[in-house]
PDB file of N, CA and C in Angstrom:
ATOM      1  N   MET A   1      12.903   8.784 -14.197  1.00  0.00           N
ATOM      2  CA  MET A   1      12.438   8.022 -15.256  1.00  0.00           C
ATOM      3  C   MET A   1      11.016   8.556 -15.618  1.00  0.00           C
ATOM      4  N   TYR A   2      10.181   8.884 -14.534  1.00  0.00           N
ATOM      5  CA  TYR A   2       9.132   9.152 -14.516  1.00  0.00           C
ATOM      6  C   TYR A   2       8.972  10.994 -14.276  1.00  0.00           C
ATOM      7  N   ASP A   3       8.212  12.069 -14.809  1.00  0.00           N
ATOM      8  CA  ASP A   3       7.968  13.103 -13.855  1.00  0.00           C
ATOM      9  C   ASP A   3       6.963  12.609 -12.930  1.00  0.00           C
ATOM     10  N   ASN A   4       6.649  13.685 -11.913  1.00  0.00           N
ATOM     11  CA  ASN A   4       5.870  13.372 -10.806  1.00  0.00           C
ATOM     12  C   ASN A   4       4.179  12.711 -11.535  1.00  0.00           C
ATOM     13  N   THR A   5       3.858  13.638 -12.475  1.00  0.00           N
ATOM     14  CA  THR A   5       2.364  13.675 -12.866  1.00  0.00           C
ATOM     15  C   THR A   5       2.196  11.822 -13.513  1.00  0.00           C
ATOM     16  N   ASP A   6       3.240  11.670 -14.186  1.00  0.00           N
ATOM     17  CA  ASP A   6       3.113  10.385 -15.054  1.00  0.00           C
ATOM     18  C   ASP A   6       3.242   9.288 -13.667  1.00  0.00           C
ATOM     19  N   HIS A   7       4.193   9.599 -12.817  1.00  0.00           N
ATOM     20  CA  HIS A   7       4.257   8.389 -11.749  1.00  0.00           C
ATOM     21  C   HIS A   7       3.028   8.154 -11.023  1.00  0.00           C
ATOM     22  N   SER A   8       2.796   9.229 -10.467  1.00  0.00           N
ATOM     23  CA  SER A   8       1.463   9.334  -9.859  1.00  0.00           C
ATOM     24  C   SER A   8       0.200   8.565 -10.377  1.00  0.00           C
ATOM     25  N   LYS A   9       0.044   8.665 -11.828  1.00  0.00           N
ATOM     26  CA  LYS A   9      -1.204   8.218 -12.493  1.00  0.00           C
ATOM     27  C   LYS A   9      -0.755   6.770 -12.719  1.00  0.00           C
ATOM     28  N   SER A  10       0.430   6.471 -12.901  1.00  0.00           N
ATOM     29  CA  SER A  10       0.679   5.092 -13.139  1.00  0.00           C
ATOM     30  C   SER A  10       0.611   4.276 -11.718  1.00  0.00           C
ATOM     31  N   SER A  11       1.266   4.908 -10.518  1.00  0.00           N
ATOM     32  CA  SER A  11       1.223   4.248  -9.387  1.00  0.00           C
ATOM     33  C   SER A  11      -0.283   4.213  -8.912  1.00  0.00           C
ATOM     34  N   THR A  12      -1.192   5.180  -9.247  1.00  0.00           N
ATOM     35  CA  THR A  12      -2.673   5.270  -8.741  1.00  0.00           C
ATOM     36  C   THR A  12      -3.424   4.207  -9.459  1.00  0.00           C
ATOM     37  N   GLU A  13      -3.206   4.049 -10.934  1.00  0.00           N
ATOM     38  CA  GLU A  13      -3.781   3.093 -11.426  1.00  0.00           C
ATOM     39  C   GLU A  13      -3.566   1.415 -10.955  1.00  0.00           C
ATOM     40  N   ASP A  14      -2.271   1.246 -10.652  1.00  0.00           N
ATOM     41  CA  ASP A  14      -1.382   0.121 -10.241  1.00  0.00           C
ATOM     42  C   ASP A  14      -2.462  -0.347  -8.993  1.00  0.00           C
ATOM     43  N   THR A  15      -2.568   0.768  -8.050  1.00  0.00           N
ATOM     44  CA  THR A  15      -2.994   0.866  -6.577  1.00  0.00           C
ATOM     45  C   THR A  15      -4.686   0.227  -6.999  1.00  0.00           C
ATOM     46  N   LEU A  16      -5.158   1.100  -7.668  1.00  0.00           N
ATOM     47  CA  LEU A  16      -6.655   0.845  -7.998  1.00  0.00           C
ATOM     48  C   LEU A  16      -6.978  -0.561  -8.678  1.00  0.00           C
ATOM     49  N   ASN A  17      -5.835  -1.227  -9.545  1.00  0.00           N
ATOM     50  CA  ASN A  17      -6.157  -2.370  -9.827  1.00  0.00           C
ATOM     51  C   ASN A  17      -6.003  -3.370  -8.857  1.00  0.00           C
ATOM     52  N   ARG A  18      -5.123  -3.278  -7.905  1.00  0.00           N
ATOM     53  CA  ARG A  18      -4.746  -4.094  -7.023  1.00  0.00           C
ATOM     54  C   ARG A  18      -5.913  -4.191  -5.881  1.00  0.00           C
ATOM     55  N   LEU A  19      -6.770  -2.987  -5.718  1.00  0.00           N
ATOM     56  CA  LEU A  19      -7.716  -2.804  -4.627  1.00  0.00           C
ATOM     57  C   LEU A  19      -9.051  -3.199  -5.401  1.00  0.00           C
ATOM     58  N   GLY A  20      -9.114  -3.229  -6.766  1.00  0.00           N
ATOM     59  CA  GLY A  20     -10.480  -3.925  -7.441  1.00  0.00           C
ATOM     60  C   GLY A  20     -10.511  -5.108  -7.127  1.00  0.00           C
ATOM     61  N   ASN A  21      -9.041  -6.055  -7.174  1.00  0.00           N
ATOM     62  CA  ASN A  21      -8.975  -7.444  -7.521  1.00  0.00           C
ATOM     63  C   ASN A  21      -8.929  -7.932  -6.004  1.00  0.00           C
ATOM     64  N   TRP A  22      -8.674  -7.121  -4.951  1.00  0.00           N
ATOM     65  CA  TRP A  22      -8.908  -7.467  -3.452  1.00  0.00           C
ATOM     66  C   TRP A  22     -10.313  -7.365  -2.907  1.00  0.00           C
ATOM     67  N   LEU A  23     -11.038  -6.376  -3.505  1.00  0.00           N
ATOM     68  CA  LEU A  23     -12.231  -6.153  -3.209  1.00  0.00           C
ATOM     69  C   LEU A  23     -13.091  -7.078  -3.767  1.00  0.00           C
ATOM     70  N   LYS A  24     -12.873  -7.637  -4.928  1.00  0.00           N
ATOM     71  CA  LYS A  24     -13.584  -8.721  -5.771  1.00  0.00           C
ATOM     72  C   LYS A  24     -13.872  -9.939  -4.886  1.00  0.00           C
ATOM     73  N   SER A  25     -12.493 -10.143  -4.175  1.00  0.00           N
ATOM     74  CA  SER A  25     -12.477 -11.194  -3.524  1.00  0.00           C
ATOM     75  C   SER A  25     -12.631 -11.415  -1.843  1.00  0.00           C
ATOM     76  N   ARG A  26     -13.630 -10.267  -1.628  1.00  0.00           N
ATOM     77  CA  ARG A  26     -13.548 -10.115  -0.197  1.00  0.00           C
ATOM     78  C   ARG A  26     -15.328  -9.642   0.107  1.00  0.00           C
ATOM     79  N   PRO A  27     -15.659  -9.773   0.970  1.00  0.00           N
ATOM     80  CA  PRO A  27     -17.342  -9.505   1.051  1.00  0.00           C
ATOM     81  C   PRO A  27     -17.534  -7.776   1.207  1.00  0.00           C
ATOM     82  N   ILE A  28     -18.652  -7.634   0.827  1.00  0.00           N
ATOM     83  CA  ILE A  28     -18.986  -6.094   0.836  1.00  0.00           C
ATOM     84  C   ILE A  28     -18.445  -5.424   1.936  1.00  0.00           C
ATOM     85  N   GLU A  29     -18.728  -5.817   3.452  1.00  0.00           N
ATOM     86  CA  GLU A  29     -18.179  -5.316   4.281  1.00  0.00           C
ATOM     87  C   GLU A  29     -17.194  -4.113   4.058  1.00  0.00           C
ATOM     88  N   ASN A  30     -16.038  -4.989   3.559  1.00  0.00           N
ATOM     89  CA  ASN A  30     -14.829  -4.452   3.310  1.00  0.00           C
ATOM     90  C   ASN A  30     -15.010  -3.081   2.357  1.00  0.00           C
ATOM     91  N   TRP A  31     -15.953  -2.725   1.705  1.00  0.00           N
ATOM     92  CA  TRP A  31     -16.246  -1.624   1.287  1.00  0.00           C
ATOM     93  C   TRP A  31     -16.047  -0.665   2.168  1.00  0.00           C
ATOM     94  N   GLY A  32     -16.466  -0.551   3.153  1.00  0.00           N
ATOM     95  CA  GLY A  32     -16.471   0.091   4.352  1.00  0.00           C
ATOM     96  C   GLY A  32     -14.939   0.844   4.777  1.00  0.00           C
ATOM     97  N   PHE A  33     -13.967  -0.308   4.951  1.00  0.00           N
ATOM     98  CA  PHE A  33     -12.700  -0.030   4.990  1.00  0.00           C
ATOM     99  C   PHE A  33     -12.147   1.069   4.005  1.00  0.00           C
ATOM    100  N   PHE A  34     -12.299   0.405   2.677  1.00  0.00           N
ATOM    101  CA  PHE A  34     -11.783   0.853   1.614  1.00  0.00           C
ATOM    102  C   PHE A  34     -12.449   2.535   1.375  1.00  0.00           C
ATOM    103  N   ILE A  35     -13.741   2.770   1.841  1.00  0.00           N
ATOM    104  CA  ILE A  35     -14.072   4.108   1.535  1.00  0.00           C
ATOM    105  C   ILE A  35     -13.315   5.008   2.948  1.00  0.00           C
ATOM    106  N   ALA A  36     -13.123   4.428   4.080  1.00  0.00           N
ATOM    107  CA  ALA A  36     -12.289   5.076   5.079  1.00  0.00           C
ATOM    108  C   ALA A  36     -10.810   5.152   4.303  1.00  0.00           C
ATOM    109  N   GLY A  37     -10.386   4.417   3.997  1.00  0.00           N
ATOM    110  CA  GLY A  37      -9.137   4.543   3.500  1.00  0.00           C
ATOM    111  C   GLY A  37      -8.841   5.805   2.614  1.00  0.00           C
ATOM    112  N   VAL A  38      -9.707   5.705   1.554  1.00  0.00           N
ATOM    113  CA  VAL A  38     -10.050   6.656   0.343  1.00  0.00           C
ATOM    114  C   VAL A  38      -9.830   8.320   1.147  1.00  0.00           C
ATOM    115  N   ILE A  39     -10.652   8.304   2.104  1.00  0.00           N
ATOM    116  CA  ILE A  39     -11.129   9.699   3.004  1.00  0.00           C
ATOM    117  C   ILE A  39      -9.749  10.025   3.654  1.00  0.00           C
ATOM    118  N   ILE A  40      -9.328   9.008   4.372  1.00  0.00           N
ATOM    119  CA  ILE A  40      -7.751   9.170   4.868  1.00  0.00           C
ATOM    120  C   ILE A  40      -6.822   9.729   3.791  1.00  0.00           C
ATOM    121  N   ALA A  41      -6.558   9.015   2.921  1.00  0.00           N
ATOM    122  CA  ALA A  41      -5.525   9.458   1.804  1.00  0.00           C
ATOM    123  C   ALA A  41      -5.996  10.841   1.165  1.00  0.00           C
ATOM    124  N   ARG A  42      -7.421  11.157   1.055  1.00  0.00           N
ATOM    125  CA  ARG A  42      -7.639  12.479   0.312  1.00  0.00           C
ATOM    126  C   ARG A  42      -6.987  13.396   1.452  1.00  0.00           C
ATOM    127  N   ILE A  43      -7.332  13.462   2.855  1.00  0.00           N
ATOM    128  CA  ILE A  43      -7.235  14.238   3.960  1.00  0.00           C
ATOM    129  C   ILE A  43      -5.527  14.439   4.110  1.00  0.00           C
ATOM    130  N   LEU A  44      -4.699  13.181   4.069  1.00  0.00           N
ATOM    131  CA  LEU A  44      -3.257  13.300   4.323  1.00  0.00           C
ATOM    132  C   LEU A  44      -2.642  13.691   3.054  1.00  0.00           C
ATOM    133  N   PHE A  45      -3.088  13.411   1.813  1.00  0.00           N
ATOM    134  CA  PHE A  45      -2.645  13.682   0.390  1.00  0.00           C
ATOM    135  C   PHE A  45      -3.190  14.837  -0.284  1.00  0.00           C
TER     136      PHE A  45
END
């Protein structure tokens, strides 16, 4: 249905939207977990 680039972009946008909504409803301390997750994702993928 999608090629890899389009699927990755769409999936990334959905993930960012979900993370954005989640972070808006959480205290600022959770930004540390978010940043750590991004770093881990960059290393693994």
